[in-house]
Amino acid sequence: MLKPLAPSAVTRTVRGMKTIATCTLLVEAQLIRATLESSGLAAEIPDESTVGTAPHLALPLGGIRVQVADQDAPRAREILATPPAPETP
């Protein structure tokens, strides 16, 4: 389940990058990254290689992080907070 982080709850920040979500499954993190990238924001999953080869490490790592550039964090949170548009038949 997607767990967007409040700005004060950002942990394990890489220089110039902010963690905007943590996930328990790699596929969730990949969907978030795809959503952000389709909106024009670059996003990274720094734990992708680790949990891709050793999925049992996701929880000990504290979740699978999705990160964006510091300046893109507010827009990324806005994108993730917006419900998807309903599909038309």
Protein backbone atom coordinates (compact mmCIF):
# COMPACT_ATOMS: atom_id res chain seq x y z
CA MET A 1 0.00 0.00 0.00
CA LEU A 2 1.29 3.45 -0.92
CA LYS A 3 2.31 5.52 2.08
CA PRO A 4 3.11 9.11 1.03
CA LEU A 5 5.39 10.77 3.53
CA ALA A 6 4.80 14.13 5.14
CA PRO A 7 7.64 16.58 4.45
CA SER A 8 8.84 16.27 8.07
CA ALA A 9 8.90 12.46 7.84
CA VAL A 10 11.43 12.24 5.01
CA THR A 11 14.13 9.75 5.96
CA ARG A 12 17.31 8.42 4.40
CA THR A 13 17.56 11.43 2.11
CA VAL A 14 20.26 11.30 -0.53
CA ARG A 15 21.86 14.66 -1.28
CA GLY A 16 19.52 16.57 -3.55
CA MET A 17 16.82 13.87 -3.39
CA LYS A 18 13.76 13.56 -1.19
CA THR A 19 11.88 10.37 -0.36
CA ILE A 20 8.26 11.05 -1.25
CA ALA A 21 6.89 7.54 -0.73
CA THR A 22 7.84 4.20 0.75
CA CYS A 23 6.32 0.92 -0.36
CA THR A 24 6.37 -2.68 0.77
CA LEU A 25 6.31 -4.10 -2.76
CA LEU A 26 8.65 -3.21 -5.61
CA VAL A 27 5.77 -3.12 -8.10
CA GLU A 28 4.08 -0.38 -6.03
CA ALA A 29 7.24 1.74 -6.13
CA GLN A 30 7.54 1.15 -9.88
CA LEU A 31 3.94 2.28 -10.42
CA ILE A 32 4.58 5.45 -8.43
CA ARG A 33 7.73 6.12 -10.44
CA ALA A 34 5.81 5.59 -13.69
CA THR A 35 3.05 7.95 -12.52
CA LEU A 36 5.56 10.67 -11.68
CA GLU A 37 7.53 10.18 -14.89
CA SER A 38 4.34 10.36 -16.97
CA SER A 39 3.77 13.76 -15.36
CA GLY A 40 7.24 14.93 -16.38
CA LEU A 41 9.09 14.38 -13.10
CA ALA A 42 12.21 12.25 -12.84
CA ALA A 43 11.91 9.67 -10.06
CA GLU A 44 14.27 7.05 -8.70
CA ILE A 45 13.95 3.87 -6.66
CA PRO A 46 17.35 3.64 -4.96
CA ASP A 47 16.49 0.28 -3.40
CA GLU A 48 15.35 -1.31 -6.69
CA SER A 49 18.38 -3.51 -7.27
CA THR A 50 18.52 -4.68 -3.67
CA VAL A 51 14.87 -5.68 -3.34
CA GLY A 52 14.77 -6.94 -6.91
CA THR A 53 17.34 -9.59 -6.02
CA ALA A 54 16.47 -9.99 -2.33
CA PRO A 55 12.80 -9.01 -1.78
CA HIS A 56 12.93 -10.09 1.86
CA LEU A 57 15.13 -7.05 2.57
CA ALA A 58 12.36 -4.53 1.82
CA LEU A 59 11.06 -4.45 5.39
CA PRO A 60 14.47 -4.38 7.14
CA LEU A 61 15.38 -1.43 4.88
CA GLY A 62 12.32 0.42 6.15
CA GLY A 63 10.46 0.07 2.87
CA ILE A 64 11.27 0.69 -0.76
CA ARG A 65 11.93 4.38 -1.32
CA VAL A 66 10.72 6.47 -4.24
CA GLN A 67 12.74 9.67 -4.53
CA VAL A 68 12.58 12.87 -6.56
CA ALA A 69 14.78 15.95 -6.71
CA ASP A 70 14.35 18.31 -3.77
CA GLN A 71 12.71 20.99 -5.90
CA ASP A 72 10.22 18.45 -7.37
CA ALA A 73 9.02 17.08 -4.02
CA PRO A 74 6.02 19.42 -3.57
CA ARG A 75 4.77 18.73 -7.12
CA ALA A 76 5.33 14.98 -6.69
CA ARG A 77 3.27 14.95 -3.49
CA GLU A 78 0.54 16.88 -5.29
CA ILE A 79 0.51 14.36 -8.15
CA LEU A 80 0.33 11.41 -5.76
CA ALA A 81 -2.45 13.02 -3.74
CA THR A 82 -4.62 13.56 -6.83
CA PRO A 83 -7.03 10.69 -7.45
CA PRO A 84 -6.76 9.13 -10.91
CA ALA A 85 -9.27 10.23 -13.51
CA PRO A 86 -12.09 7.74 -14.05
CA GLU A 87 -11.78 5.60 -17.14
CA THR A 88 -14.26 6.22 -19.89
CA PRO A 89 -15.90 3.23 -21.59
